[in-house]
Amino acid sequence: QVQLVESGGGLVQAGGSLRLSCAASGNIFRLIAMGWFRQAPGKQRELVARISTGGTIFYTDSVKGRFSISRDNAKNTVYLQMNSLKPEDTAVYYCAGQTRDAAWGFWGQGTQVTVSS
């Protein structure tokens, strides 16, 4: 099993910044990638950013140039730096772990990000 614990959400004004953290523990060797998803009210959960164990990074188009995903292997922690936040970024953000079968099988509890206009 893999345990994921997020932190760092909160309320921020438009144009502001937040940094989310996701600490992983357990059988993390099973993971090929870590990612951040978000789900806004009434919308489907979407993949925001992904970083593989090899360092390959993906961003969804709406956050390119504003969000940055990184990892600290010594701390088994993944970060999502979010700059120039917009009200449409408001959502519950989830950290997730991807295994070799491509499934996102491990999830954190979620952290609320609210951007006020």
C-alpha atoms as a PDB file:
ATOM      1  CA  GLN A   1       0.000   0.000   0.000  1.00  0.00           C
ATOM      2  CA  VAL A   2       0.935   3.616  -0.518  1.00  0.00           C
ATOM      3  CA  GLN A   3      -0.223   6.456   1.699  1.00  0.00           C
ATOM      4  CA  LEU A   4      -0.483   9.992   0.379  1.00  0.00           C
ATOM      5  CA  VAL A   5      -1.023  13.048   2.572  1.00  0.00           C
ATOM      6  CA  GLU A   6      -1.642  16.470   1.051  1.00  0.00           C
ATOM      7  CA  SER A   7      -1.215  19.856   2.633  1.00  0.00           C
ATOM      8  CA  GLY A   8      -1.092  23.479   1.610  1.00  0.00           C
ATOM      9  CA  GLY A   9      -4.547  24.347   0.362  1.00  0.00           C
ATOM     10  CA  GLY A  10      -6.429  27.448   1.380  1.00  0.00           C
ATOM     11  CA  LEU A  11      -8.066  30.682   0.323  1.00  0.00           C
ATOM     12  CA  VAL A  12      -6.199  33.131  -1.878  1.00  0.00           C
ATOM     13  CA  GLN A  13      -7.085  36.134  -4.009  1.00  0.00           C
ATOM     14  CA  ALA A  14      -6.877  35.982  -7.764  1.00  0.00           C
ATOM     15  CA  GLY A  15      -3.307  36.478  -8.899  1.00  0.00           C
ATOM     16  CA  GLY A  16      -1.919  34.949  -5.739  1.00  0.00           C
ATOM     17  CA  SER A  17       0.088  31.787  -5.164  1.00  0.00           C
ATOM     18  CA  LEU A  18      -0.151  28.578  -3.194  1.00  0.00           C
ATOM     19  CA  ARG A  19       2.077  25.548  -2.870  1.00  0.00           C
ATOM     20  CA  LEU A  20       0.613  22.118  -2.324  1.00  0.00           C
ATOM     21  CA  SER A  21       2.642  19.275  -0.864  1.00  0.00           C
ATOM     22  CA  CYS A  22       2.070  15.539  -1.029  1.00  0.00           C
ATOM     23  CA  ALA A  23       4.052  13.263   1.259  1.00  0.00           C
ATOM     24  CA  ALA A  24       4.193   9.626   0.189  1.00  0.00           C
ATOM     25  CA  SER A  25       4.927   6.642   2.402  1.00  0.00           C
ATOM     26  CA  GLY A  26       4.667   2.875   2.224  1.00  0.00           C
ATOM     27  CA  ASN A  27       5.481   0.861  -0.885  1.00  0.00           C
ATOM     28  CA  ILE A  28       6.350   3.859  -3.024  1.00  0.00           C
ATOM     29  CA  PHE A  29       8.591   1.710  -5.240  1.00  0.00           C
ATOM     30  CA  ARG A  30       5.347   0.576  -6.876  1.00  0.00           C
ATOM     31  CA  LEU A  31       4.780   4.018  -8.342  1.00  0.00           C
ATOM     32  CA  ILE A  32       5.884   5.128 -11.795  1.00  0.00           C
ATOM     33  CA  ALA A  33       4.507   8.630 -11.426  1.00  0.00           C
ATOM     34  CA  MET A  34       2.818  11.066  -9.103  1.00  0.00           C
ATOM     35  CA  GLY A  35       0.149  13.507 -10.126  1.00  0.00           C
ATOM     36  CA  TRP A  36      -2.168  16.254  -9.023  1.00  0.00           C
ATOM     37  CA  PHE A  37      -5.823  16.114  -9.952  1.00  0.00           C
ATOM     38  CA  ARG A  38      -8.579  18.589  -9.200  1.00  0.00           C
ATOM     39  CA  GLN A  39     -12.332  18.458  -9.053  1.00  0.00           C
ATOM     40  CA  ALA A  40     -14.533  21.514  -9.063  1.00  0.00           C
ATOM     41  CA  PRO A  41     -18.211  21.375  -8.048  1.00  0.00           C
ATOM     42  CA  GLY A  42     -20.296  19.819 -10.802  1.00  0.00           C
ATOM     43  CA  LYS A  43     -17.259  18.926 -12.897  1.00  0.00           C
ATOM     44  CA  GLN A  44     -15.280  15.797 -13.562  1.00  0.00           C
ATOM     45  CA  ARG A  45     -11.959  15.204 -11.877  1.00  0.00           C
ATOM     46  CA  GLU A  46      -9.129  16.245 -14.171  1.00  0.00           C
ATOM     47  CA  LEU A  47      -5.404  15.616 -14.240  1.00  0.00           C
ATOM     48  CA  VAL A  48      -3.602  18.898 -13.677  1.00  0.00           C
ATOM     49  CA  ALA A  49       0.045  17.828 -13.602  1.00  0.00           C
ATOM     50  CA  ARG A  50       2.068  14.638 -13.579  1.00  0.00           C
ATOM     51  CA  ILE A  51       5.716  13.839 -12.901  1.00  0.00           C
ATOM     52  CA  SER A  52       7.217  10.440 -13.618  1.00  0.00           C
ATOM     53  CA  THR A  53      10.003   8.753 -11.711  1.00  0.00           C
ATOM     54  CA  GLY A  54      12.199   9.580 -14.704  1.00  0.00           C
ATOM     55  CA  GLY A  55      11.308  13.248 -14.461  1.00  0.00           C
ATOM     56  CA  THR A  56       8.940  13.531 -17.414  1.00  0.00           C
ATOM     57  CA  ILE A  57       6.376  16.240 -16.715  1.00  0.00           C
ATOM     58  CA  PHE A  58       2.879  16.852 -18.057  1.00  0.00           C
ATOM     59  CA  TYR A  59       0.589  19.832 -17.536  1.00  0.00           C
ATOM     60  CA  THR A  60      -2.951  20.305 -18.676  1.00  0.00           C
ATOM     61  CA  ASP A  61      -3.224  23.268 -21.027  1.00  0.00           C
ATOM     62  CA  SER A  62      -5.121  25.525 -18.648  1.00  0.00           C
ATOM     63  CA  VAL A  63      -2.262  25.626 -16.110  1.00  0.00           C
ATOM     64  CA  LYS A  64       0.781  25.727 -18.388  1.00  0.00           C
ATOM     65  CA  GLY A  65       3.041  28.618 -17.496  1.00  0.00           C
ATOM     66  CA  ARG A  66       1.336  29.100 -14.112  1.00  0.00           C
ATOM     67  CA  PHE A  67       1.745  25.796 -12.246  1.00  0.00           C
ATOM     68  CA  SER A  68       4.908  23.846 -11.612  1.00  0.00           C
ATOM     69  CA  ILE A  69       5.207  20.270 -10.363  1.00  0.00           C
ATOM     70  CA  SER A  70       8.371  19.039  -8.686  1.00  0.00           C
ATOM     71  CA  ARG A  71       9.574  16.284  -6.406  1.00  0.00           C
ATOM     72  CA  ASP A  72      12.020  15.867  -3.552  1.00  0.00           C
ATOM     73  CA  ASN A  73      13.069  12.229  -3.632  1.00  0.00           C
ATOM     74  CA  ALA A  74      14.856  12.471  -0.295  1.00  0.00           C
ATOM     75  CA  LYS A  75      11.579  13.483   1.356  1.00  0.00           C
ATOM     76  CA  ASN A  76       9.299  11.338  -0.843  1.00  0.00           C
ATOM     77  CA  THR A  77       7.309  14.495  -1.449  1.00  0.00           C
ATOM     78  CA  VAL A  78       5.769  16.016  -4.545  1.00  0.00           C
ATOM     79  CA  TYR A  79       4.899  19.688  -4.803  1.00  0.00           C
ATOM     80  CA  LEU A  80       2.558  21.750  -6.928  1.00  0.00           C
ATOM     81  CA  GLN A  81       3.500  25.403  -7.063  1.00  0.00           C
ATOM     82  CA  MET A  82       0.513  27.394  -8.269  1.00  0.00           C
ATOM     83  CA  ASN A  83       1.054  30.978  -9.385  1.00  0.00           C
ATOM     84  CA  SER A  84      -1.222  33.555 -10.991  1.00  0.00           C
ATOM     85  CA  LEU A  85      -4.217  31.747  -9.596  1.00  0.00           C
ATOM     86  CA  LYS A  86      -7.613  32.329 -11.147  1.00  0.00           C
ATOM     87  CA  PRO A  87     -11.119  31.809  -9.731  1.00  0.00           C
ATOM     88  CA  GLU A  88     -11.537  28.909 -12.159  1.00  0.00           C
ATOM     89  CA  ASP A  89      -8.705  27.113 -10.356  1.00  0.00           C
ATOM     90  CA  THR A  90     -11.012  26.706  -7.359  1.00  0.00           C
ATOM     91  CA  ALA A  91     -11.394  23.002  -6.653  1.00  0.00           C
ATOM     92  CA  VAL A  92     -10.463  20.183  -4.348  1.00  0.00           C
ATOM     93  CA  TYR A  93      -6.957  19.124  -5.298  1.00  0.00           C
ATOM     94  CA  TYR A  94      -5.916  15.492  -4.940  1.00  0.00           C
ATOM     95  CA  CYS A  95      -2.502  13.906  -4.979  1.00  0.00           C
ATOM     96  CA  ALA A  96      -2.389  10.507  -6.663  1.00  0.00           C
ATOM     97  CA  GLY A  97       0.069   7.736  -7.395  1.00  0.00           C
ATOM     98  CA  GLN A  98       0.236   5.826 -10.680  1.00  0.00           C
ATOM     99  CA  THR A  99       1.370   2.221 -10.885  1.00  0.00           C
ATOM    100  CA  ARG A 100       2.848   0.221 -13.759  1.00  0.00           C
ATOM    101  CA  ASP A 101      -0.572  -0.820 -15.044  1.00  0.00           C
ATOM    102  CA  ALA A 102      -1.248   2.907 -15.625  1.00  0.00           C
ATOM    103  CA  ALA A 103      -3.923   2.985 -12.963  1.00  0.00           C
ATOM    104  CA  TRP A 104      -4.095   5.834 -10.509  1.00  0.00           C
ATOM    105  CA  GLY A 105      -4.578   3.479  -7.615  1.00  0.00           C
ATOM    106  CA  PHE A 106      -3.554   5.595  -4.664  1.00  0.00           C
ATOM    107  CA  TRP A 107      -5.139   8.862  -3.584  1.00  0.00           C
ATOM    108  CA  GLY A 108      -4.746  11.444  -0.905  1.00  0.00           C
ATOM    109  CA  GLN A 109      -7.636  12.881   1.043  1.00  0.00           C
ATOM    110  CA  GLY A 110      -7.816  16.088  -0.970  1.00  0.00           C
ATOM    111  CA  THR A 111      -7.194  19.707  -0.079  1.00  0.00           C
ATOM    112  CA  GLN A 112      -9.456  22.648  -0.886  1.00  0.00           C
ATOM    113  CA  VAL A 113      -8.126  25.523  -2.957  1.00  0.00           C
ATOM    114  CA  THR A 114     -10.379  28.547  -3.221  1.00  0.00           C
ATOM    115  CA  VAL A 115      -9.469  31.545  -5.359  1.00  0.00           C
ATOM    116  CA  SER A 116     -11.541  34.665  -4.820  1.00  0.00           C
ATOM    117  CA  SER A 117     -12.037  37.284  -7.491  1.00  0.00           C
END
